[in-house]
N, C-alpha and C. Protein backbone atom coordinates (compact mmCIF):
# COMPACT_ATOMS: atom_id res chain seq x y z
N MET A 1 60.52 29.86 -29.22
CA MET A 1 61.94 30.00 -28.96
C MET A 1 62.77 29.58 -30.16
N ASN A 2 62.20 28.89 -31.14
CA ASN A 2 62.97 28.48 -32.31
C ASN A 2 63.54 29.68 -33.04
N THR A 3 62.79 30.74 -33.13
CA THR A 3 63.26 31.95 -33.80
C THR A 3 64.48 32.50 -33.09
N VAL A 4 64.44 32.52 -31.77
CA VAL A 4 65.57 33.04 -30.98
C VAL A 4 66.80 32.20 -31.24
N HIS A 5 66.65 30.88 -31.23
CA HIS A 5 67.79 29.99 -31.47
C HIS A 5 68.32 30.14 -32.89
N ASP A 6 67.43 30.27 -33.86
CA ASP A 6 67.86 30.46 -35.25
C ASP A 6 68.66 31.74 -35.39
N LEU A 7 68.18 32.82 -34.76
CA LEU A 7 68.90 34.09 -34.82
C LEU A 7 70.25 33.98 -34.12
N ALA A 8 70.29 33.31 -32.98
CA ALA A 8 71.54 33.16 -32.23
C ALA A 8 72.56 32.36 -33.04
N ASN A 9 72.10 31.33 -33.74
CA ASN A 9 73.00 30.52 -34.57
C ASN A 9 73.59 31.33 -35.72
N ARG A 10 72.88 32.34 -36.16
CA ARG A 10 73.37 33.21 -37.23
C ARG A 10 74.18 34.39 -36.69
N GLY A 11 74.36 34.43 -35.36
CA GLY A 11 75.16 35.49 -34.75
C GLY A 11 74.40 36.78 -34.54
N ILE A 12 73.08 36.71 -34.50
CA ILE A 12 72.24 37.90 -34.32
C ILE A 12 71.75 37.92 -32.89
N GLY A 13 71.93 39.04 -32.22
CA GLY A 13 71.49 39.17 -30.83
C GLY A 13 70.51 40.32 -30.69
N LEU A 14 69.88 40.40 -29.51
CA LEU A 14 68.94 41.46 -29.18
C LEU A 14 69.55 42.33 -28.11
N LYS A 15 69.53 43.63 -28.32
CA LYS A 15 70.04 44.55 -27.32
C LYS A 15 69.03 45.67 -27.14
N VAL A 16 68.47 45.78 -25.93
CA VAL A 16 67.51 46.83 -25.62
C VAL A 16 68.29 48.10 -25.35
N LEU A 17 68.00 49.15 -26.10
CA LEU A 17 68.77 50.39 -25.98
C LEU A 17 68.13 51.39 -25.02
N ALA A 18 66.83 51.36 -24.88
CA ALA A 18 66.15 52.33 -24.02
C ALA A 18 64.99 51.65 -23.31
N GLY A 19 64.59 52.21 -22.19
CA GLY A 19 63.45 51.69 -21.47
C GLY A 19 63.80 51.39 -20.02
N HIS A 20 62.77 51.25 -19.22
CA HIS A 20 62.96 50.97 -17.82
C HIS A 20 63.10 49.48 -17.58
N GLY A 21 63.71 49.11 -16.47
CA GLY A 21 63.84 47.71 -16.13
C GLY A 21 65.21 47.18 -16.46
N ALA A 22 65.30 45.88 -16.52
CA ALA A 22 66.59 45.24 -16.75
C ALA A 22 67.08 45.51 -18.16
N GLU A 23 68.39 45.69 -18.28
CA GLU A 23 68.98 45.84 -19.60
C GLU A 23 69.15 44.45 -20.19
N ILE A 24 68.71 44.30 -21.39
CA ILE A 24 68.77 42.99 -22.04
C ILE A 24 69.74 43.06 -23.21
N ASP A 25 70.69 42.16 -23.21
CA ASP A 25 71.64 42.01 -24.31
C ASP A 25 71.86 40.52 -24.48
N THR A 26 71.22 39.92 -25.47
CA THR A 26 71.27 38.47 -25.60
C THR A 26 72.60 37.95 -26.13
N THR A 27 73.56 38.85 -26.33
CA THR A 27 74.89 38.39 -26.71
C THR A 27 75.73 38.07 -25.47
N THR A 28 75.21 38.36 -24.27
CA THR A 28 75.91 38.04 -23.03
C THR A 28 75.14 36.96 -22.28
N ALA A 29 75.82 36.30 -21.36
CA ALA A 29 75.20 35.22 -20.59
C ALA A 29 74.07 35.76 -19.72
N SER A 30 74.28 36.90 -19.06
CA SER A 30 73.23 37.44 -18.19
C SER A 30 72.04 37.93 -19.00
N GLY A 31 72.29 38.47 -20.17
CA GLY A 31 71.19 38.91 -21.04
C GLY A 31 70.35 37.74 -21.52
N LYS A 32 71.03 36.61 -21.85
CA LYS A 32 70.31 35.42 -22.24
C LYS A 32 69.46 34.89 -21.09
N LEU A 33 69.99 34.96 -19.86
CA LEU A 33 69.24 34.52 -18.70
C LEU A 33 67.99 35.36 -18.50
N ILE A 34 68.13 36.67 -18.53
CA ILE A 34 66.98 37.58 -18.35
C ILE A 34 65.95 37.36 -19.45
N PHE A 35 66.42 37.23 -20.68
CA PHE A 35 65.51 37.01 -21.80
C PHE A 35 64.76 35.69 -21.62
N GLY A 36 65.46 34.66 -21.18
CA GLY A 36 64.83 33.36 -20.94
C GLY A 36 63.79 33.43 -19.84
N ILE A 37 64.10 34.18 -18.77
CA ILE A 37 63.14 34.34 -17.67
C ILE A 37 61.88 35.06 -18.17
N PHE A 38 62.07 36.14 -18.93
CA PHE A 38 60.92 36.87 -19.47
C PHE A 38 60.09 35.98 -20.40
N ALA A 39 60.77 35.18 -21.22
CA ALA A 39 60.06 34.28 -22.14
C ALA A 39 59.26 33.25 -21.35
N SER A 40 59.85 32.72 -20.27
CA SER A 40 59.14 31.74 -19.44
C SER A 40 57.93 32.37 -18.77
N LEU A 41 58.08 33.59 -18.26
CA LEU A 41 56.96 34.29 -17.63
C LEU A 41 55.84 34.56 -18.63
N ALA A 42 56.21 34.93 -19.85
CA ALA A 42 55.20 35.19 -20.88
C ALA A 42 54.44 33.91 -21.22
N GLY A 43 55.16 32.79 -21.32
CA GLY A 43 54.51 31.52 -21.59
C GLY A 43 53.57 31.11 -20.46
N PHE A 44 54.03 31.32 -19.22
CA PHE A 44 53.22 31.02 -18.04
C PHE A 44 51.94 31.85 -18.04
N GLU A 45 52.07 33.13 -18.32
CA GLU A 45 50.92 34.04 -18.35
C GLU A 45 49.92 33.61 -19.42
N ARG A 46 50.44 33.21 -20.59
CA ARG A 46 49.56 32.76 -21.67
C ARG A 46 48.79 31.53 -21.25
N GLU A 47 49.44 30.58 -20.61
CA GLU A 47 48.76 29.36 -20.17
C GLU A 47 47.71 29.67 -19.09
N LEU A 48 48.02 30.60 -18.19
CA LEU A 48 47.03 30.99 -17.18
C LEU A 48 45.78 31.58 -17.82
N ILE A 49 45.99 32.46 -18.78
CA ILE A 49 44.85 33.08 -19.48
C ILE A 49 44.03 32.00 -20.17
N ARG A 50 44.70 31.05 -20.83
CA ARG A 50 44.00 29.96 -21.52
C ARG A 50 43.19 29.12 -20.54
N GLU A 51 43.79 28.75 -19.41
CA GLU A 51 43.09 27.94 -18.42
C GLU A 51 41.87 28.67 -17.86
N ARG A 52 42.03 29.95 -17.58
CA ARG A 52 40.92 30.73 -17.04
C ARG A 52 39.80 30.87 -18.06
N THR A 53 40.17 31.07 -19.32
CA THR A 53 39.16 31.18 -20.37
C THR A 53 38.38 29.89 -20.51
N MET A 54 39.10 28.77 -20.53
CA MET A 54 38.43 27.48 -20.66
C MET A 54 37.53 27.20 -19.46
N ALA A 55 37.99 27.56 -18.26
CA ALA A 55 37.17 27.37 -17.06
C ALA A 55 35.91 28.24 -17.12
N GLY A 56 36.06 29.46 -17.59
CA GLY A 56 34.91 30.36 -17.72
C GLY A 56 33.90 29.86 -18.73
N LEU A 57 34.39 29.33 -19.86
CA LEU A 57 33.48 28.78 -20.87
C LEU A 57 32.76 27.55 -20.33
N ALA A 58 33.48 26.70 -19.59
CA ALA A 58 32.86 25.51 -19.01
C ALA A 58 31.80 25.90 -17.98
N ALA A 59 32.09 26.91 -17.16
CA ALA A 59 31.12 27.37 -16.16
C ALA A 59 29.88 27.95 -16.85
N ALA A 60 30.08 28.68 -17.93
CA ALA A 60 28.94 29.25 -18.67
C ALA A 60 28.08 28.13 -19.27
N ARG A 61 28.76 27.10 -19.85
CA ARG A 61 28.01 25.98 -20.40
C ARG A 61 27.22 25.25 -19.33
N ALA A 62 27.81 25.13 -18.13
CA ALA A 62 27.11 24.47 -17.02
C ALA A 62 25.87 25.25 -16.59
N ARG A 63 25.89 26.56 -16.80
CA ARG A 63 24.73 27.39 -16.47
C ARG A 63 23.74 27.46 -17.64
N GLY A 64 24.04 26.73 -18.72
CA GLY A 64 23.12 26.70 -19.85
C GLY A 64 23.36 27.79 -20.87
N ARG A 65 24.47 28.47 -20.79
CA ARG A 65 24.79 29.55 -21.74
C ARG A 65 25.69 29.01 -22.83
N SER A 66 25.50 29.46 -24.03
CA SER A 66 26.41 29.08 -25.11
C SER A 66 26.92 30.35 -25.76
N GLY A 67 28.15 30.31 -26.21
CA GLY A 67 28.76 31.49 -26.81
C GLY A 67 28.44 31.60 -28.28
N GLY A 68 28.92 32.65 -28.86
CA GLY A 68 28.76 32.86 -30.29
C GLY A 68 27.60 33.77 -30.63
N ARG A 69 27.61 34.19 -31.86
CA ARG A 69 26.56 35.07 -32.35
C ARG A 69 25.28 34.28 -32.59
N LYS A 70 24.16 34.91 -32.36
CA LYS A 70 22.88 34.26 -32.60
C LYS A 70 22.66 34.12 -34.11
N PHE A 71 21.96 33.05 -34.48
CA PHE A 71 21.69 32.79 -35.89
C PHE A 71 20.71 33.82 -36.44
N THR A 72 21.00 34.31 -37.65
CA THR A 72 20.11 35.26 -38.32
C THR A 72 19.03 34.51 -39.09
N MET A 73 19.42 33.39 -39.67
CA MET A 73 18.47 32.59 -40.45
C MET A 73 17.72 31.65 -39.52
N ARG A 74 16.59 32.09 -39.06
CA ARG A 74 15.72 31.26 -38.23
C ARG A 74 15.04 30.22 -39.13
N PRO A 75 14.50 29.14 -38.56
CA PRO A 75 13.86 28.12 -39.39
C PRO A 75 12.73 28.66 -40.27
N ALA A 76 11.99 29.64 -39.77
CA ALA A 76 10.90 30.22 -40.58
C ALA A 76 11.46 30.92 -41.82
N LYS A 77 12.53 31.69 -41.65
CA LYS A 77 13.14 32.37 -42.79
C LYS A 77 13.74 31.36 -43.77
N LEU A 78 14.30 30.31 -43.22
CA LEU A 78 14.90 29.28 -44.06
C LEU A 78 13.83 28.58 -44.91
N ARG A 79 12.68 28.27 -44.30
CA ARG A 79 11.58 27.63 -45.04
C ARG A 79 11.06 28.55 -46.14
N LEU A 80 11.09 29.85 -45.90
CA LEU A 80 10.64 30.82 -46.89
C LEU A 80 11.65 30.95 -48.04
N ALA A 81 12.91 30.90 -47.72
CA ALA A 81 13.95 31.15 -48.72
C ALA A 81 14.25 29.94 -49.60
N GLN A 82 14.20 28.75 -49.06
CA GLN A 82 14.62 27.56 -49.82
C GLN A 82 13.85 27.35 -51.12
N PRO A 83 12.54 27.42 -51.13
CA PRO A 83 11.84 27.22 -52.42
C PRO A 83 12.19 28.32 -53.43
N SER A 84 12.36 29.53 -52.96
CA SER A 84 12.68 30.64 -53.87
C SER A 84 14.07 30.49 -54.47
N MET A 85 15.01 29.97 -53.68
CA MET A 85 16.39 29.83 -54.17
C MET A 85 16.48 28.75 -55.25
N GLY A 86 15.51 27.84 -55.28
CA GLY A 86 15.52 26.79 -56.30
C GLY A 86 15.02 27.25 -57.65
N LYS A 87 14.46 28.44 -57.70
CA LYS A 87 13.91 28.96 -58.96
C LYS A 87 14.93 29.88 -59.62
N PRO A 88 15.18 29.68 -60.93
CA PRO A 88 16.17 30.52 -61.63
C PRO A 88 15.74 31.98 -61.77
N GLU A 89 14.45 32.24 -61.73
CA GLU A 89 13.98 33.62 -61.92
C GLU A 89 14.03 34.46 -60.64
N THR A 90 14.45 33.87 -59.53
CA THR A 90 14.52 34.58 -58.25
C THR A 90 15.62 35.62 -58.29
N ILE A 91 15.28 36.84 -57.87
CA ILE A 91 16.28 37.91 -57.74
C ILE A 91 16.76 37.89 -56.29
N VAL A 92 18.02 37.53 -56.11
CA VAL A 92 18.56 37.30 -54.77
C VAL A 92 18.48 38.56 -53.91
N GLY A 93 18.77 39.70 -54.49
CA GLY A 93 18.72 40.96 -53.73
C GLY A 93 17.34 41.24 -53.17
N ASP A 94 16.32 41.00 -53.99
CA ASP A 94 14.93 41.22 -53.54
C ASP A 94 14.55 40.22 -52.44
N LEU A 95 14.97 38.98 -52.60
CA LEU A 95 14.67 37.97 -51.59
C LEU A 95 15.35 38.32 -50.26
N CYS A 96 16.56 38.81 -50.33
CA CYS A 96 17.28 39.21 -49.12
C CYS A 96 16.54 40.33 -48.39
N LYS A 97 16.07 41.31 -49.15
CA LYS A 97 15.31 42.41 -48.53
C LYS A 97 14.02 41.90 -47.91
N GLU A 98 13.39 40.97 -48.58
CA GLU A 98 12.11 40.44 -48.11
C GLU A 98 12.24 39.69 -46.78
N ILE A 99 13.29 38.89 -46.65
CA ILE A 99 13.43 38.12 -45.42
C ILE A 99 14.35 38.79 -44.40
N GLY A 100 14.98 39.89 -44.79
CA GLY A 100 15.77 40.69 -43.83
C GLY A 100 17.13 40.13 -43.47
N VAL A 101 17.83 39.57 -44.48
CA VAL A 101 19.18 39.07 -44.26
C VAL A 101 20.10 39.56 -45.37
N SER A 102 21.39 39.46 -45.15
CA SER A 102 22.34 39.87 -46.19
C SER A 102 22.48 38.76 -47.22
N ARG A 103 23.08 39.10 -48.34
CA ARG A 103 23.30 38.13 -49.41
C ARG A 103 24.20 36.98 -48.92
N GLN A 104 25.25 37.31 -48.15
CA GLN A 104 26.17 36.29 -47.64
C GLN A 104 25.43 35.32 -46.71
N THR A 105 24.55 35.85 -45.87
CA THR A 105 23.81 34.99 -44.97
C THR A 105 22.88 34.06 -45.73
N LEU A 106 22.25 34.59 -46.76
CA LEU A 106 21.33 33.78 -47.56
C LEU A 106 22.07 32.64 -48.23
N TYR A 107 23.21 32.94 -48.82
CA TYR A 107 23.98 31.90 -49.49
C TYR A 107 24.52 30.91 -48.49
């Protein structure tokens, strides 16, 4: 809402010219009221989505599930790559092909 207040202090208002629903003109008292109600509803909706997401993640964790992408560098690949990365003569591209990972993952 800081942006809205900053714009209002500079004498800038919002006026919806087309569309269905309530006409919004933030230069009038009723327009400010409608805009405020819509802003409150949007904030409420955002908080509901956040609460539901957090509850879903907690329920998944309780079932033993964890989110995120699976690791590409398994311990076996890591044990294979570490000694090779310590050698200056190692060609990184060839090592990546050998263990089946991208250059970014290897680094």
